[in-house]
N, C-alpha and C. Protein backbone atom coordinates (compact mmCIF):
# COMPACT_ATOMS: atom_id res chain seq x y z
N UNK A 1 -14.54 -12.77 -11.57
CA UNK A 1 -13.49 -12.26 -10.72
C UNK A 1 -13.36 -10.72 -10.83
N UNK A 2 -13.60 -10.19 -12.04
CA UNK A 2 -13.43 -8.75 -12.25
C UNK A 2 -14.32 -7.90 -11.34
N UNK A 3 -15.63 -8.22 -11.25
CA UNK A 3 -16.46 -7.38 -10.38
C UNK A 3 -16.00 -7.39 -8.92
N UNK A 4 -15.53 -8.55 -8.47
CA UNK A 4 -15.03 -8.65 -7.09
C UNK A 4 -13.77 -7.80 -6.94
N UNK A 5 -12.86 -7.92 -7.90
CA UNK A 5 -11.61 -7.15 -7.84
C UNK A 5 -11.90 -5.65 -7.88
N UNK A 6 -12.81 -5.24 -8.74
CA UNK A 6 -13.14 -3.81 -8.82
C UNK A 6 -13.79 -3.31 -7.53
N UNK A 7 -14.74 -4.06 -7.02
CA UNK A 7 -15.46 -3.64 -5.81
C UNK A 7 -14.54 -3.57 -4.61
N UNK A 8 -13.88 -4.68 -4.31
CA UNK A 8 -13.05 -4.72 -3.11
C UNK A 8 -11.75 -3.94 -3.30
N UNK A 9 -11.26 -3.85 -4.52
CA UNK A 9 -10.11 -3.00 -4.81
C UNK A 9 -10.44 -1.54 -4.57
N UNK A 10 -11.66 -1.14 -4.94
CA UNK A 10 -12.12 0.21 -4.66
C UNK A 10 -12.16 0.46 -3.15
N UNK A 11 -12.64 -0.53 -2.40
CA UNK A 11 -12.65 -0.39 -0.93
C UNK A 11 -11.24 -0.22 -0.39
N UNK A 12 -10.28 -1.01 -0.92
CA UNK A 12 -8.89 -0.89 -0.47
C UNK A 12 -8.33 0.50 -0.78
N UNK A 13 -8.60 0.98 -1.99
CA UNK A 13 -8.13 2.30 -2.37
C UNK A 13 -8.74 3.39 -1.51
N UNK A 14 -10.04 3.29 -1.27
CA UNK A 14 -10.72 4.28 -0.44
C UNK A 14 -10.21 4.24 1.00
N UNK A 15 -9.90 3.05 1.49
CA UNK A 15 -9.34 2.93 2.84
C UNK A 15 -8.04 3.72 2.95
N UNK A 16 -7.18 3.60 1.95
CA UNK A 16 -5.91 4.32 1.97
C UNK A 16 -6.14 5.83 1.86
N UNK A 17 -7.04 6.23 0.98
CA UNK A 17 -7.34 7.66 0.81
C UNK A 17 -7.89 8.23 2.11
N UNK A 18 -8.86 7.55 2.69
CA UNK A 18 -9.46 8.03 3.95
C UNK A 18 -8.40 8.06 5.05
N UNK A 19 -7.54 7.04 5.08
CA UNK A 19 -6.47 7.01 6.08
C UNK A 19 -5.53 8.19 5.95
N UNK A 20 -5.13 8.52 4.72
CA UNK A 20 -4.25 9.68 4.51
C UNK A 20 -4.94 10.98 4.92
N UNK A 21 -6.21 11.10 4.57
CA UNK A 21 -6.95 12.32 4.92
C UNK A 21 -7.08 12.45 6.43
N UNK A 22 -7.42 11.36 7.11
CA UNK A 22 -7.55 11.40 8.57
C UNK A 22 -6.20 11.74 9.22
N UNK A 23 -5.14 11.12 8.73
CA UNK A 23 -3.81 11.42 9.28
C UNK A 23 -3.46 12.89 9.10
N UNK A 24 -3.82 13.43 7.95
CA UNK A 24 -3.51 14.84 7.67
C UNK A 24 -4.34 15.77 8.54
N UNK A 25 -5.64 15.54 8.56
CA UNK A 25 -6.56 16.43 9.29
C UNK A 25 -6.29 16.38 10.80
N UNK A 26 -6.02 15.17 11.32
CA UNK A 26 -5.83 15.01 12.76
C UNK A 26 -4.35 15.09 13.16
N UNK A 27 -3.47 15.38 12.21
CA UNK A 27 -2.03 15.45 12.46
C UNK A 27 -1.50 14.17 13.13
N UNK A 28 -1.84 13.04 12.53
CA UNK A 28 -1.45 11.75 13.08
C UNK A 28 -0.44 11.01 12.21
N UNK A 29 0.42 11.76 11.49
CA UNK A 29 1.42 11.10 10.65
C UNK A 29 2.28 10.20 11.51
N UNK A 30 2.59 9.04 10.97
CA UNK A 30 3.44 8.05 11.64
C UNK A 30 2.87 7.62 12.98
N UNK A 31 1.57 7.44 13.06
CA UNK A 31 0.91 7.00 14.28
C UNK A 31 0.70 5.49 14.20
N UNK A 32 1.21 4.75 15.16
CA UNK A 32 1.13 3.29 15.12
C UNK A 32 -0.30 2.78 15.23
N UNK A 33 -1.15 3.46 15.98
CA UNK A 33 -2.54 3.01 16.15
C UNK A 33 -3.29 3.10 14.82
N UNK A 34 -3.07 4.17 14.07
CA UNK A 34 -3.71 4.32 12.77
C UNK A 34 -3.22 3.22 11.82
N UNK A 35 -1.94 2.91 11.90
CA UNK A 35 -1.37 1.85 11.06
C UNK A 35 -1.98 0.48 11.39
N UNK A 36 -2.15 0.19 12.66
CA UNK A 36 -2.73 -1.09 13.09
C UNK A 36 -4.18 -1.20 12.63
N UNK A 37 -4.94 -0.13 12.80
CA UNK A 37 -6.35 -0.12 12.37
C UNK A 37 -6.43 -0.29 10.86
N UNK A 38 -5.58 0.40 10.13
CA UNK A 38 -5.56 0.31 8.67
C UNK A 38 -5.21 -1.11 8.22
N UNK A 39 -4.23 -1.72 8.86
CA UNK A 39 -3.84 -3.10 8.52
C UNK A 39 -4.99 -4.06 8.80
N UNK A 40 -5.65 -3.90 9.93
CA UNK A 40 -6.77 -4.78 10.27
C UNK A 40 -7.90 -4.64 9.25
N UNK A 41 -8.23 -3.42 8.88
CA UNK A 41 -9.29 -3.20 7.89
C UNK A 41 -8.89 -3.74 6.52
N UNK A 42 -7.61 -3.62 6.18
CA UNK A 42 -7.12 -4.18 4.92
C UNK A 42 -7.31 -5.69 4.89
N UNK A 43 -6.96 -6.35 5.98
CA UNK A 43 -7.12 -7.81 6.07
C UNK A 43 -8.60 -8.19 5.95
N UNK A 44 -9.47 -7.42 6.60
CA UNK A 44 -10.91 -7.69 6.53
C UNK A 44 -11.41 -7.55 5.08
N UNK A 45 -10.97 -6.53 4.38
CA UNK A 45 -11.40 -6.33 2.99
C UNK A 45 -10.93 -7.49 2.12
N UNK A 46 -9.67 -7.90 2.28
CA UNK A 46 -9.17 -9.05 1.51
C UNK A 46 -9.96 -10.31 1.85
N UNK A 47 -10.26 -10.50 3.13
CA UNK A 47 -11.02 -11.68 3.55
C UNK A 47 -12.39 -11.71 2.84
N UNK A 48 -13.11 -10.60 2.91
CA UNK A 48 -14.44 -10.58 2.30
C UNK A 48 -14.39 -10.70 0.77
N UNK A 49 -13.38 -10.11 0.17
CA UNK A 49 -13.25 -10.24 -1.29
C UNK A 49 -13.00 -11.69 -1.70
N UNK A 50 -12.07 -12.35 -1.02
CA UNK A 50 -11.77 -13.74 -1.34
C UNK A 50 -12.92 -14.65 -0.97
N UNK A 51 -13.58 -14.36 0.15
CA UNK A 51 -14.74 -15.15 0.57
C UNK A 51 -15.88 -15.02 -0.44
N UNK A 52 -16.08 -13.82 -0.96
CA UNK A 52 -17.11 -13.60 -1.98
C UNK A 52 -16.81 -14.43 -3.23
N UNK A 53 -15.55 -14.42 -3.64
CA UNK A 53 -15.16 -15.24 -4.81
C UNK A 53 -15.42 -16.71 -4.52
N UNK A 54 -15.06 -17.18 -3.34
CA UNK A 54 -15.27 -18.59 -2.97
C UNK A 54 -16.75 -18.94 -2.99
N UNK A 55 -17.58 -18.06 -2.46
CA UNK A 55 -19.03 -18.29 -2.44
C UNK A 55 -19.58 -18.37 -3.86
N UNK A 56 -19.14 -17.48 -4.73
CA UNK A 56 -19.61 -17.49 -6.11
C UNK A 56 -19.05 -18.66 -6.92
N UNK A 57 -18.01 -19.29 -6.41
CA UNK A 57 -17.36 -20.42 -7.08
C UNK A 57 -17.81 -21.74 -6.45
N UNK A 58 -19.06 -21.81 -6.03
CA UNK A 58 -19.66 -23.01 -5.45
C UNK A 58 -18.91 -23.48 -4.21
N UNK A 59 -18.40 -22.52 -3.45
CA UNK A 59 -17.69 -22.76 -2.20
C UNK A 59 -16.36 -23.48 -2.37
N UNK A 60 -15.77 -23.38 -3.57
CA UNK A 60 -14.45 -23.96 -3.82
C UNK A 60 -13.45 -22.83 -4.00
N UNK A 61 -12.22 -23.06 -3.52
CA UNK A 61 -11.17 -22.05 -3.63
C UNK A 61 -9.82 -22.73 -3.57
N UNK A 62 -9.00 -22.44 -4.55
CA UNK A 62 -7.61 -22.92 -4.51
C UNK A 62 -6.73 -21.75 -4.07
N UNK A 63 -5.53 -22.06 -3.66
CA UNK A 63 -4.60 -21.01 -3.27
C UNK A 63 -4.31 -20.11 -4.47
N UNK A 64 -4.17 -20.71 -5.64
CA UNK A 64 -3.91 -19.95 -6.86
C UNK A 64 -5.04 -18.95 -7.14
N UNK A 65 -6.29 -19.39 -6.98
CA UNK A 65 -7.43 -18.49 -7.19
C UNK A 65 -7.45 -17.37 -6.15
N UNK A 66 -7.13 -17.71 -4.91
CA UNK A 66 -7.10 -16.69 -3.85
C UNK A 66 -6.05 -15.63 -4.16
N UNK A 67 -4.89 -16.07 -4.65
CA UNK A 67 -3.83 -15.12 -5.00
C UNK A 67 -4.26 -14.26 -6.18
N UNK A 68 -4.90 -14.87 -7.18
CA UNK A 68 -5.38 -14.09 -8.33
C UNK A 68 -6.37 -13.01 -7.90
N UNK A 69 -7.34 -13.40 -7.10
CA UNK A 69 -8.35 -12.45 -6.64
C UNK A 69 -7.70 -11.37 -5.78
N UNK A 70 -6.85 -11.79 -4.86
CA UNK A 70 -6.20 -10.83 -3.96
C UNK A 70 -5.31 -9.85 -4.70
N UNK A 71 -4.52 -10.35 -5.64
CA UNK A 71 -3.65 -9.45 -6.40
C UNK A 71 -4.45 -8.51 -7.30
N UNK A 72 -5.54 -9.01 -7.86
CA UNK A 72 -6.39 -8.13 -8.68
C UNK A 72 -6.97 -7.01 -7.82
N UNK A 73 -7.41 -7.36 -6.60
CA UNK A 73 -7.90 -6.34 -5.68
C UNK A 73 -6.79 -5.36 -5.31
N UNK A 74 -5.59 -5.90 -5.07
CA UNK A 74 -4.46 -5.05 -4.68
C UNK A 74 -4.05 -4.10 -5.80
N UNK A 75 -4.13 -4.56 -7.04
CA UNK A 75 -3.79 -3.68 -8.17
C UNK A 75 -4.76 -2.51 -8.24
N UNK A 76 -6.05 -2.81 -8.18
CA UNK A 76 -7.06 -1.74 -8.25
C UNK A 76 -6.89 -0.78 -7.07
N UNK A 77 -6.82 -1.34 -5.87
CA UNK A 77 -6.65 -0.50 -4.69
C UNK A 77 -5.35 0.27 -4.69
N UNK A 78 -4.28 -0.37 -5.15
CA UNK A 78 -2.98 0.27 -5.20
C UNK A 78 -2.92 1.42 -6.17
N UNK A 79 -3.55 1.26 -7.32
CA UNK A 79 -3.56 2.34 -8.32
C UNK A 79 -4.34 3.54 -7.78
N UNK A 80 -5.47 3.28 -7.17
CA UNK A 80 -6.27 4.36 -6.59
C UNK A 80 -5.48 5.06 -5.48
N UNK A 81 -4.89 4.26 -4.59
CA UNK A 81 -4.13 4.82 -3.47
C UNK A 81 -2.91 5.60 -3.95
N UNK A 82 -2.21 5.06 -4.93
CA UNK A 82 -1.02 5.74 -5.45
C UNK A 82 -1.37 7.05 -6.13
N UNK A 83 -2.45 7.04 -6.91
CA UNK A 83 -2.86 8.27 -7.59
C UNK A 83 -3.22 9.35 -6.57
N UNK A 84 -3.97 8.97 -5.54
CA UNK A 84 -4.32 9.97 -4.54
C UNK A 84 -3.09 10.41 -3.75
N UNK A 85 -2.22 9.48 -3.39
CA UNK A 85 -1.02 9.82 -2.62
C UNK A 85 -0.16 10.82 -3.38
N UNK A 86 -0.04 10.62 -4.68
CA UNK A 86 0.74 11.56 -5.50
C UNK A 86 0.16 12.97 -5.39
N UNK A 87 -1.15 13.08 -5.58
CA UNK A 87 -1.82 14.38 -5.48
C UNK A 87 -1.71 14.93 -4.06
N UNK A 88 -1.90 14.06 -3.08
CA UNK A 88 -1.86 14.47 -1.67
C UNK A 88 -0.50 15.06 -1.31
N UNK A 89 0.57 14.35 -1.63
CA UNK A 89 1.90 14.81 -1.25
C UNK A 89 2.44 15.93 -2.14
N UNK A 90 1.85 16.09 -3.31
CA UNK A 90 2.28 17.18 -4.19
C UNK A 90 1.55 18.48 -3.89
N UNK A 91 0.22 18.40 -3.61
CA UNK A 91 -0.60 19.60 -3.46
C UNK A 91 -1.18 19.81 -2.07
N UNK A 92 -1.68 18.74 -1.46
CA UNK A 92 -2.38 18.89 -0.18
C UNK A 92 -1.40 19.03 0.98
N UNK A 93 -0.39 18.17 1.01
CA UNK A 93 0.53 18.15 2.14
C UNK A 93 1.99 18.11 1.70
N UNK A 94 2.43 19.09 0.92
CA UNK A 94 3.84 19.09 0.49
C UNK A 94 4.81 19.27 1.65
N UNK A 95 4.32 19.84 2.75
CA UNK A 95 5.19 20.04 3.91
C UNK A 95 5.64 18.70 4.51
N UNK A 96 4.87 17.64 4.32
CA UNK A 96 5.26 16.32 4.80
C UNK A 96 6.53 15.86 4.09
N UNK A 97 6.55 16.01 2.77
CA UNK A 97 7.73 15.64 1.98
C UNK A 97 8.92 16.52 2.36
N UNK A 98 8.66 17.81 2.52
CA UNK A 98 9.75 18.72 2.91
C UNK A 98 10.30 18.36 4.29
N UNK A 99 9.44 17.96 5.20
CA UNK A 99 9.88 17.55 6.54
C UNK A 99 10.77 16.31 6.48
N UNK A 100 10.39 15.36 5.64
CA UNK A 100 11.21 14.16 5.47
C UNK A 100 12.57 14.53 4.89
N UNK A 101 12.56 15.39 3.89
CA UNK A 101 13.82 15.81 3.26
C UNK A 101 14.72 16.55 4.25
N UNK A 102 14.12 17.42 5.02
CA UNK A 102 14.88 18.20 5.99
C UNK A 102 15.53 17.29 7.03
N UNK A 103 14.75 16.35 7.55
CA UNK A 103 15.27 15.39 8.55
C UNK A 103 16.38 14.55 7.94
N UNK A 104 16.18 14.06 6.73
CA UNK A 104 17.19 13.24 6.06
C UNK A 104 18.46 14.04 5.82
N UNK A 105 18.32 15.30 5.43
CA UNK A 105 19.48 16.14 5.18
C UNK A 105 20.26 16.39 6.48
N UNK A 106 19.53 16.64 7.56
CA UNK A 106 20.18 16.85 8.86
C UNK A 106 20.92 15.59 9.29
N UNK A 107 20.27 14.44 9.14
CA UNK A 107 20.92 13.17 9.49
C UNK A 107 22.15 12.93 8.63
N UNK A 108 22.04 13.26 7.36
CA UNK A 108 23.13 13.03 6.42
C UNK A 108 24.33 13.93 6.74
N UNK A 109 24.07 15.17 7.02
CA UNK A 109 25.18 16.10 7.26
C UNK A 109 25.75 15.96 8.68
N UNK A 110 24.96 15.51 9.63
CA UNK A 110 25.44 15.38 11.01
C UNK A 110 26.47 14.27 11.15
N UNK A 111 26.25 13.16 10.48
CA UNK A 111 27.13 12.02 10.66
C UNK A 111 28.25 11.93 9.65
N UNK A 112 28.30 12.81 8.68
CA UNK A 112 29.30 12.69 7.62
C UNK A 112 29.97 14.03 7.34
N UNK A 113 30.74 14.52 8.31
CA UNK A 113 31.43 15.79 8.11
C UNK A 113 32.55 15.66 7.07
N UNK A 114 32.99 14.44 6.78
CA UNK A 114 34.07 14.23 5.83
C UNK A 114 33.58 14.13 4.39
N UNK A 115 32.31 14.38 4.15
CA UNK A 115 31.74 14.27 2.82
C UNK A 115 32.13 15.49 1.98
N UNK A 116 32.59 15.24 0.76
CA UNK A 116 32.96 16.35 -0.12
C UNK A 116 31.69 17.02 -0.65
N UNK A 117 31.86 18.18 -1.24
CA UNK A 117 30.72 18.91 -1.80
C UNK A 117 30.02 18.13 -2.88
N UNK A 118 30.79 17.44 -3.72
CA UNK A 118 30.21 16.63 -4.80
C UNK A 118 29.44 15.44 -4.24
N UNK A 119 29.98 14.80 -3.21
CA UNK A 119 29.29 13.67 -2.58
C UNK A 119 28.00 14.13 -1.92
N UNK A 120 28.05 15.29 -1.29
CA UNK A 120 26.85 15.85 -0.65
C UNK A 120 25.79 16.18 -1.69
N UNK A 121 26.20 16.73 -2.83
CA UNK A 121 25.25 17.03 -3.91
C UNK A 121 24.62 15.75 -4.45
N UNK A 122 25.42 14.72 -4.65
CA UNK A 122 24.92 13.45 -5.15
C UNK A 122 23.93 12.84 -4.15
N UNK A 123 24.31 12.86 -2.87
CA UNK A 123 23.43 12.31 -1.83
C UNK A 123 22.13 13.10 -1.75
N UNK A 124 22.21 14.41 -1.88
CA UNK A 124 21.00 15.26 -1.84
C UNK A 124 20.10 14.96 -3.04
N UNK A 125 20.69 14.78 -4.21
CA UNK A 125 19.91 14.45 -5.41
C UNK A 125 19.18 13.12 -5.21
N UNK A 126 19.90 12.12 -4.69
CA UNK A 126 19.28 10.81 -4.45
C UNK A 126 18.16 10.94 -3.41
N UNK A 127 18.41 11.71 -2.37
CA UNK A 127 17.40 11.90 -1.33
C UNK A 127 16.15 12.55 -1.92
N UNK A 128 16.33 13.53 -2.80
CA UNK A 128 15.18 14.20 -3.42
C UNK A 128 14.38 13.24 -4.30
N UNK A 129 15.07 12.32 -4.95
CA UNK A 129 14.36 11.31 -5.76
C UNK A 129 13.54 10.40 -4.86
N UNK A 130 14.16 9.91 -3.77
CA UNK A 130 13.49 8.96 -2.89
C UNK A 130 12.43 9.58 -1.99
N UNK A 131 12.36 10.89 -1.97
CA UNK A 131 11.32 11.55 -1.17
C UNK A 131 10.35 12.34 -2.04
N UNK A 132 10.35 12.07 -3.33
CA UNK A 132 9.43 12.77 -4.22
C UNK A 132 8.02 12.18 -4.10
N UNK A 133 6.99 12.97 -4.37
CA UNK A 133 5.63 12.44 -4.35
C UNK A 133 5.46 11.23 -5.27
N UNK A 134 6.12 11.26 -6.43
CA UNK A 134 6.02 10.13 -7.36
C UNK A 134 6.60 8.86 -6.74
N UNK A 135 7.76 8.97 -6.09
CA UNK A 135 8.38 7.81 -5.47
C UNK A 135 7.52 7.30 -4.32
N UNK A 136 6.99 8.20 -3.49
CA UNK A 136 6.13 7.79 -2.38
C UNK A 136 4.88 7.07 -2.90
N UNK A 137 4.29 7.59 -3.97
CA UNK A 137 3.11 6.95 -4.56
C UNK A 137 3.47 5.57 -5.12
N UNK A 138 4.63 5.47 -5.76
CA UNK A 138 5.08 4.19 -6.30
C UNK A 138 5.29 3.18 -5.17
N UNK A 139 5.84 3.62 -4.07
CA UNK A 139 6.05 2.72 -2.92
C UNK A 139 4.72 2.26 -2.33
N UNK A 140 3.73 3.13 -2.35
CA UNK A 140 2.40 2.72 -1.88
C UNK A 140 1.85 1.62 -2.78
N UNK A 141 1.98 1.79 -4.09
CA UNK A 141 1.51 0.76 -5.03
C UNK A 141 2.25 -0.55 -4.81
N UNK A 142 3.56 -0.50 -4.70
CA UNK A 142 4.35 -1.72 -4.50
C UNK A 142 4.01 -2.38 -3.17
N UNK A 143 3.83 -1.59 -2.13
CA UNK A 143 3.49 -2.19 -0.83
C UNK A 143 2.10 -2.80 -0.86
N UNK A 144 1.16 -2.18 -1.57
CA UNK A 144 -0.18 -2.78 -1.71
C UNK A 144 -0.08 -4.14 -2.39
N UNK A 145 0.72 -4.21 -3.45
CA UNK A 145 0.88 -5.48 -4.17
C UNK A 145 1.56 -6.53 -3.29
N UNK A 146 2.59 -6.13 -2.57
CA UNK A 146 3.31 -7.07 -1.70
C UNK A 146 2.40 -7.60 -0.60
N UNK A 147 1.74 -6.70 0.12
CA UNK A 147 0.86 -7.13 1.20
C UNK A 147 -0.35 -7.88 0.65
N UNK A 148 -0.83 -7.49 -0.53
CA UNK A 148 -1.92 -8.23 -1.16
C UNK A 148 -1.52 -9.67 -1.45
N UNK A 149 -0.30 -9.86 -1.93
CA UNK A 149 0.19 -11.21 -2.19
C UNK A 149 0.28 -12.02 -0.90
N UNK A 150 0.88 -11.46 0.12
CA UNK A 150 1.06 -12.17 1.40
C UNK A 150 -0.30 -12.50 2.03
N UNK A 151 -1.17 -11.51 2.11
CA UNK A 151 -2.48 -11.73 2.73
C UNK A 151 -3.29 -12.74 1.92
N UNK A 152 -3.25 -12.66 0.60
CA UNK A 152 -4.00 -13.59 -0.25
C UNK A 152 -3.47 -15.01 -0.11
N UNK A 153 -2.17 -15.13 0.00
CA UNK A 153 -1.56 -16.44 0.17
C UNK A 153 -2.01 -17.07 1.48
N UNK A 154 -1.99 -16.29 2.54
CA UNK A 154 -2.44 -16.79 3.84
C UNK A 154 -3.93 -17.12 3.82
N UNK A 155 -4.73 -16.20 3.28
CA UNK A 155 -6.18 -16.43 3.20
C UNK A 155 -6.48 -17.66 2.34
N UNK A 156 -5.77 -17.79 1.23
CA UNK A 156 -5.98 -18.95 0.37
C UNK A 156 -5.65 -20.25 1.07
N UNK A 157 -4.58 -20.25 1.85
CA UNK A 157 -4.20 -21.46 2.58
C UNK A 157 -5.23 -21.81 3.66
N UNK A 158 -5.77 -20.79 4.30
CA UNK A 158 -6.75 -21.01 5.37
C UNK A 158 -8.12 -21.39 4.79
N UNK A 159 -8.54 -20.73 3.72
CA UNK A 159 -9.89 -20.91 3.17
C UNK A 159 -9.96 -21.95 2.05
N UNK A 160 -8.85 -22.57 1.75
CA UNK A 160 -8.75 -23.50 0.62
C UNK A 160 -9.76 -24.64 0.73
N UNK A 161 -10.42 -24.89 -0.39
CA UNK A 161 -11.30 -26.05 -0.51
C UNK A 161 -11.32 -26.42 -1.99
N UNK A 162 -10.59 -27.45 -2.33
CA UNK A 162 -10.43 -27.87 -3.73
C UNK A 162 -11.71 -28.51 -4.25
N UNK A 163 -11.97 -28.29 -5.51
CA UNK A 163 -13.10 -28.90 -6.20
C UNK A 163 -12.72 -30.35 -6.52
N UNK A 164 -13.44 -31.34 -5.95
CA UNK A 164 -13.06 -32.74 -6.18
C UNK A 164 -13.23 -33.17 -7.65
N UNK A 165 -14.08 -32.49 -8.40
CA UNK A 165 -14.28 -32.85 -9.79
C UNK A 165 -13.09 -32.46 -10.66
N UNK A 166 -12.21 -31.57 -10.16
CA UNK A 166 -11.04 -31.16 -10.91
C UNK A 166 -9.82 -32.02 -10.59
N UNK A 167 -9.93 -32.86 -9.58
CA UNK A 167 -8.78 -33.69 -9.16
C UNK A 167 -8.59 -34.90 -10.04
């Protein structure tokens, strides 16, 4: 299982890195088409990783095994993606984080004129935490794990073939 997780996890991580670079270079942040393509490629990578495990396991696969393989791939890919995202948002594209903070601050101050100075400071501190490169990288890792679990569960249910000798 480890070689499959490392190989396909690397593909997942590289997909995220390449996606971030393409979005940055082509100025396509928050583009729905890029998100759809990325999701489709992610599903394909999970499919081939789980299919490879099934093939190497004499064409047998349980849902539990599919989840194990999928989550192992998601961990590897998520760590790679999170590490790059941290560097990307800290050094390559810090203006993205600043843009998010600026928009959030404008939204926060526009709708809450009754906010005291202390409340505004507290809200700004929280906003800075939730828009930090570290937090964004952590969210990428968590989302990789969540989607890895969901996709693996679905793939496992679809591709399931129990070994009759284990029954």
